[in-house]
C-alpha atoms as a PDB file:
ATOM      1  CA  UNK A   1     -10.319   7.471   5.384  1.00  0.00           C
ATOM      2  CA  UNK A   2     -11.203   4.502   3.549  1.00  0.00           C
ATOM      3  CA  UNK A   3      -8.964   3.071   0.195  1.00  0.00           C
ATOM      4  CA  UNK A   4     -10.766   1.190  -2.127  1.00  0.00           C
ATOM      5  CA  UNK A   5      -7.686  -2.005  -3.370  1.00  0.00           C
ATOM      6  CA  UNK A   6      -8.057  -4.591  -5.393  1.00  0.00           C
ATOM      7  CA  UNK A   7      -6.740  -7.818  -3.787  1.00  0.00           C
ATOM      8  CA  UNK A   8      -3.548  -7.758  -6.897  1.00  0.00           C
ATOM      9  CA  UNK A   9      -3.089  -4.230  -5.332  1.00  0.00           C
ATOM     10  CA  UNK A  10      -3.483  -5.517  -1.925  1.00  0.00           C
ATOM     11  CA  UNK A  11      -0.779  -8.275  -2.535  1.00  0.00           C
ATOM     12  CA  UNK A  12       1.538  -5.669  -4.728  1.00  0.00           C
ATOM     13  CA  UNK A  13       1.371  -3.657  -1.349  1.00  0.00           C
ATOM     14  CA  UNK A  14       1.780  -6.528   0.844  1.00  0.00           C
ATOM     15  CA  UNK A  15       5.159  -7.416  -1.177  1.00  0.00           C
ATOM     16  CA  UNK A  16       6.683  -4.525  -1.239  1.00  0.00           C
ATOM     17  CA  UNK A  17       7.079  -4.930   2.460  1.00  0.00           C
ATOM     18  CA  UNK A  18       8.111  -8.200   3.522  1.00  0.00           C
ATOM     19  CA  UNK A  19       8.871  -8.433   6.979  1.00  0.00           C
ATOM     20  CA  UNK A  20       7.506  -5.164   9.285  1.00  0.00           C
ATOM     21  CA  UNK A  21      10.412  -3.255  11.247  1.00  0.00           C
ATOM     22  CA  UNK A  22       8.040  -0.880  13.323  1.00  0.00           C
ATOM     23  CA  UNK A  23       4.650  -1.809  14.962  1.00  0.00           C
ATOM     24  CA  UNK A  24       2.689   0.867  12.593  1.00  0.00           C
ATOM     25  CA  UNK A  25       4.503  -1.463   9.707  1.00  0.00           C
ATOM     26  CA  UNK A  26       3.043  -4.767  11.622  1.00  0.00           C
ATOM     27  CA  UNK A  27      -0.658  -3.223  11.848  1.00  0.00           C
ATOM     28  CA  UNK A  28      -0.957  -2.041   8.382  1.00  0.00           C
ATOM     29  CA  UNK A  29       0.078  -5.225   6.613  1.00  0.00           C
ATOM     30  CA  UNK A  30      -2.005  -7.229   9.263  1.00  0.00           C
ATOM     31  CA  UNK A  31      -5.296  -4.802   8.109  1.00  0.00           C
ATOM     32  CA  UNK A  32      -4.303  -5.690   4.353  1.00  0.00           C
ATOM     33  CA  UNK A  33      -3.602  -9.159   5.070  1.00  0.00           C
ATOM     34  CA  UNK A  34      -7.315  -9.796   6.688  1.00  0.00           C
ATOM     35  CA  UNK A  35      -8.510  -7.719   3.740  1.00  0.00           C
ATOM     36  CA  UNK A  36      -7.259 -10.280   1.514  1.00  0.00           C
ATOM     37  CA  UNK A  37      -9.612 -12.623   3.599  1.00  0.00           C
ATOM     38  CA  UNK A  38     -12.548 -10.917   3.345  1.00  0.00           C
ATOM     39  CA  UNK A  39     -15.088 -11.451   0.380  1.00  0.00           C
ATOM     40  CA  UNK A  40     -15.954  -8.865  -2.206  1.00  0.00           C
ATOM     41  CA  UNK A  41     -13.632  -5.773  -3.006  1.00  0.00           C
ATOM     42  CA  UNK A  42     -12.135  -4.753  -0.281  1.00  0.00           C
ATOM     43  CA  UNK A  43     -12.263  -0.926   0.329  1.00  0.00           C
ATOM     44  CA  UNK A  44      -9.676  -0.257   3.420  1.00  0.00           C
ATOM     45  CA  UNK A  45     -10.018   1.841   6.469  1.00  0.00           C
ATOM     46  CA  UNK A  46      -7.196   3.781   7.221  1.00  0.00           C
ATOM     47  CA  UNK A  47      -5.484   6.742   8.657  1.00  0.00           C
ATOM     48  CA  UNK A  48      -4.225   9.630   7.365  1.00  0.00           C
ATOM     49  CA  UNK A  49      -0.336   7.541   8.901  1.00  0.00           C
ATOM     50  CA  UNK A  50      -1.327   3.939   7.703  1.00  0.00           C
ATOM     51  CA  UNK A  51      -1.514   5.071   4.470  1.00  0.00           C
ATOM     52  CA  UNK A  52       1.730   7.659   4.567  1.00  0.00           C
ATOM     53  CA  UNK A  53       3.456   4.364   5.746  1.00  0.00           C
ATOM     54  CA  UNK A  54       2.243   2.782   2.556  1.00  0.00           C
ATOM     55  CA  UNK A  55       3.166   5.310  -0.001  1.00  0.00           C
ATOM     56  CA  UNK A  56       6.575   5.308   1.915  1.00  0.00           C
ATOM     57  CA  UNK A  57       6.633   1.667   1.263  1.00  0.00           C
ATOM     58  CA  UNK A  58       5.823   2.464  -2.243  1.00  0.00           C
ATOM     59  CA  UNK A  59       8.642   4.667  -2.369  1.00  0.00           C
ATOM     60  CA  UNK A  60      11.503   2.457  -1.055  1.00  0.00           C
ATOM     61  CA  UNK A  61      10.442  -0.091  -3.922  1.00  0.00           C
ATOM     62  CA  UNK A  62      10.405   1.930  -6.686  1.00  0.00           C
ATOM     63  CA  UNK A  63      13.900   3.679  -5.529  1.00  0.00           C
ATOM     64  CA  UNK A  64      15.188  -0.148  -4.682  1.00  0.00           C
ATOM     65  CA  UNK A  65      14.697  -1.504  -8.224  1.00  0.00           C
ATOM     66  CA  UNK A  66      14.624   1.086 -10.606  1.00  0.00           C
ATOM     67  CA  UNK A  67      17.725   3.682  -8.947  1.00  0.00           C
ATOM     68  CA  UNK A  68      15.625   7.107  -8.310  1.00  0.00           C
ATOM     69  CA  UNK A  69      11.722   6.042  -7.992  1.00  0.00           C
ATOM     70  CA  UNK A  70      10.474   8.268 -10.334  1.00  0.00           C
ATOM     71  CA  UNK A  71       9.690   5.526 -12.393  1.00  0.00           C
ATOM     72  CA  UNK A  72       6.620   3.416 -11.798  1.00  0.00           C
ATOM     73  CA  UNK A  73       5.009   0.556 -12.952  1.00  0.00           C
ATOM     74  CA  UNK A  74       1.524   0.991 -14.041  1.00  0.00           C
ATOM     75  CA  UNK A  75       0.036  -0.692 -11.065  1.00  0.00           C
ATOM     76  CA  UNK A  76       2.164   1.154  -8.968  1.00  0.00           C
ATOM     77  CA  UNK A  77       0.746   4.115 -11.025  1.00  0.00           C
ATOM     78  CA  UNK A  78      -2.250   3.786  -9.618  1.00  0.00           C
ATOM     79  CA  UNK A  79      -2.242   2.895  -6.282  1.00  0.00           C
ATOM     80  CA  UNK A  80      -0.340   6.105  -5.826  1.00  0.00           C
ATOM     81  CA  UNK A  81      -3.132   7.564  -7.119  1.00  0.00           C
ATOM     82  CA  UNK A  82      -5.874   6.007  -4.621  1.00  0.00           C
ATOM     83  CA  UNK A  83      -3.358   6.987  -1.518  1.00  0.00           C
ATOM     84  CA  UNK A  84      -2.935  10.322  -2.697  1.00  0.00           C
ATOM     85  CA  UNK A  85      -6.856  10.636  -3.819  1.00  0.00           C
ATOM     86  CA  UNK A  86      -7.357   9.086  -0.159  1.00  0.00           C
ATOM     87  CA  UNK A  87      -5.076  12.002   1.391  1.00  0.00           C
ATOM     88  CA  UNK A  88      -6.907  14.791  -0.400  1.00  0.00           C
END
């Protein structure tokens, strides 16, 4: 599944995770870092599982600094929308 993310959106996602705990998380982070190194607008090919991993990071991020996860920043909301569309 292709997910069109801007460089800034990819940077946000990388910031959310920090250090990976599982090997699958490391693979997703590696793919994101490689996308930043490429020229042009990155369009990531992510599996359904990898998209779900990134969605989980977003949930952790939004819950950790706002105490519930119901309120998203504009950037988080845009990224979440792109992830949800990719899963449709």
